[in-house]
Amino acid sequence: MIYRNNFIVFVLSFFISILLYSSHVLLPFMFGPIIASIICVKVFKLDIKWPFLLSELGIVLLGVQIGSTFTKNVVMDIKTIGFRLLLYLFRYY
């Protein structure tokens, strides 16, 4: 039963990722599985359990995916707008 649910998440993740990729959405292969997991848990009410090793591998891959977008130019842009960004983030506190 659990393996069937994981397979459903995998197939749905694949198709959503391809849809996001063809729509030119940023990081489609990161957001596809997240959206598929939310759909399976909230809409289909499936019980999803992943082996510990797979979940840890997913976290590492997510970190690499996000970290690879931080180039020297991005860091310099953050540095130039950093103070204004902090003011914007904490304007209601």
Protein backbone atom coordinates (compact mmCIF):
# COMPACT_ATOMS: atom_id res chain seq x y z
CA MET A 1 0.00 0.00 0.00
CA ILE A 2 2.77 2.44 0.95
CA TYR A 3 4.75 1.58 -2.19
CA ARG A 4 1.67 2.22 -4.33
CA ASN A 5 1.26 5.67 -2.75
CA ASN A 6 4.93 6.47 -3.32
CA PHE A 7 4.61 5.38 -6.94
CA ILE A 8 1.58 7.68 -7.36
CA VAL A 9 3.59 10.59 -5.96
CA PHE A 10 6.50 9.74 -8.26
CA VAL A 11 4.35 9.61 -11.41
CA LEU A 12 2.46 12.78 -10.49
CA SER A 13 5.78 14.52 -9.70
CA PHE A 14 7.15 13.54 -13.08
CA PHE A 15 4.18 14.93 -15.00
CA ILE A 16 3.93 18.12 -12.96
CA SER A 17 7.67 18.72 -13.35
CA ILE A 18 7.42 18.29 -17.13
CA LEU A 19 4.44 20.66 -17.20
CA LEU A 20 6.34 23.26 -15.16
CA TYR A 21 9.44 22.80 -17.33
CA SER A 22 7.47 23.32 -20.53
CA SER A 23 5.88 26.41 -18.94
CA HIS A 24 9.40 27.78 -18.22
CA VAL A 25 8.80 27.94 -14.47
CA LEU A 26 11.89 28.45 -12.31
CA LEU A 27 13.24 25.19 -10.76
CA PRO A 28 10.54 22.88 -12.19
CA PHE A 29 12.14 19.68 -10.91
CA MET A 30 12.15 21.07 -7.38
CA PHE A 31 8.62 22.46 -7.35
CA GLY A 32 7.06 19.52 -9.24
CA PRO A 33 7.58 16.98 -6.44
CA ILE A 34 6.56 19.52 -3.79
CA ILE A 35 3.28 20.26 -5.59
CA ALA A 36 2.69 16.55 -6.24
CA SER A 37 3.24 15.72 -2.57
CA ILE A 38 0.79 18.40 -1.48
CA ILE A 39 -1.82 17.16 -3.96
CA CYS A 40 -1.40 13.53 -2.85
CA VAL A 41 -1.58 14.32 0.87
CA LYS A 42 -4.27 17.04 0.87
CA VAL A 43 -6.47 16.10 -2.10
CA PHE A 44 -6.07 12.33 -2.46
CA LYS A 45 -5.55 11.79 1.33
CA LEU A 46 -2.72 9.33 0.72
CA ASP A 47 -0.38 8.20 3.49
CA ILE A 48 3.13 8.91 2.24
CA LYS A 49 6.18 7.41 3.98
CA TRP A 50 9.69 7.69 2.56
CA PRO A 51 12.73 5.71 3.67
CA PHE A 52 15.16 7.79 5.75
CA LEU A 53 17.94 7.56 3.17
CA LEU A 54 15.71 8.87 0.37
CA SER A 55 14.48 11.80 2.45
CA GLU A 56 18.05 12.76 3.39
CA LEU A 57 19.14 12.47 -0.23
CA GLY A 58 16.24 14.72 -1.22
CA ILE A 59 17.31 17.37 1.27
CA VAL A 60 20.89 17.28 -0.04
CA LEU A 61 19.71 17.58 -3.65
CA LEU A 62 17.40 20.45 -2.71
CA GLY A 63 20.31 22.27 -1.07
CA VAL A 64 22.49 21.76 -4.14
CA GLN A 65 19.70 22.95 -6.43
CA ILE A 66 19.09 26.12 -4.42
CA GLY A 67 22.78 26.74 -3.77
CA SER A 68 23.73 26.45 -7.42
CA THR A 69 21.65 29.56 -8.20
CA PHE A 70 23.83 31.71 -5.92
CA THR A 71 26.48 33.12 -8.20
CA LYS A 72 28.88 35.96 -7.49
CA ASN A 73 26.52 38.39 -9.26
CA VAL A 74 23.58 37.33 -7.09
CA VAL A 75 25.60 37.83 -3.92
CA MET A 76 26.69 41.29 -5.10
CA ASP A 77 23.06 42.20 -5.87
CA ILE A 78 22.00 41.05 -2.42
CA LYS A 79 24.81 43.10 -0.92
CA THR A 80 23.68 46.28 -2.69
CA ILE A 81 20.02 45.94 -1.78
CA GLY A 82 20.54 44.09 1.50
CA PHE A 83 19.70 46.94 3.86
CA ARG A 84 16.57 47.92 1.92
CA LEU A 85 15.57 44.26 1.82
CA LEU A 86 15.91 43.97 5.60
CA LEU A 87 13.84 47.13 6.10
CA TYR A 88 11.17 45.72 3.81
CA LEU A 89 11.11 42.34 5.56
CA PHE A 90 10.86 43.81 9.07
CA ARG A 91 8.60 46.80 8.35
CA TYR A 92 5.71 45.46 10.45
CA TYR A 93 7.70 44.42 13.52
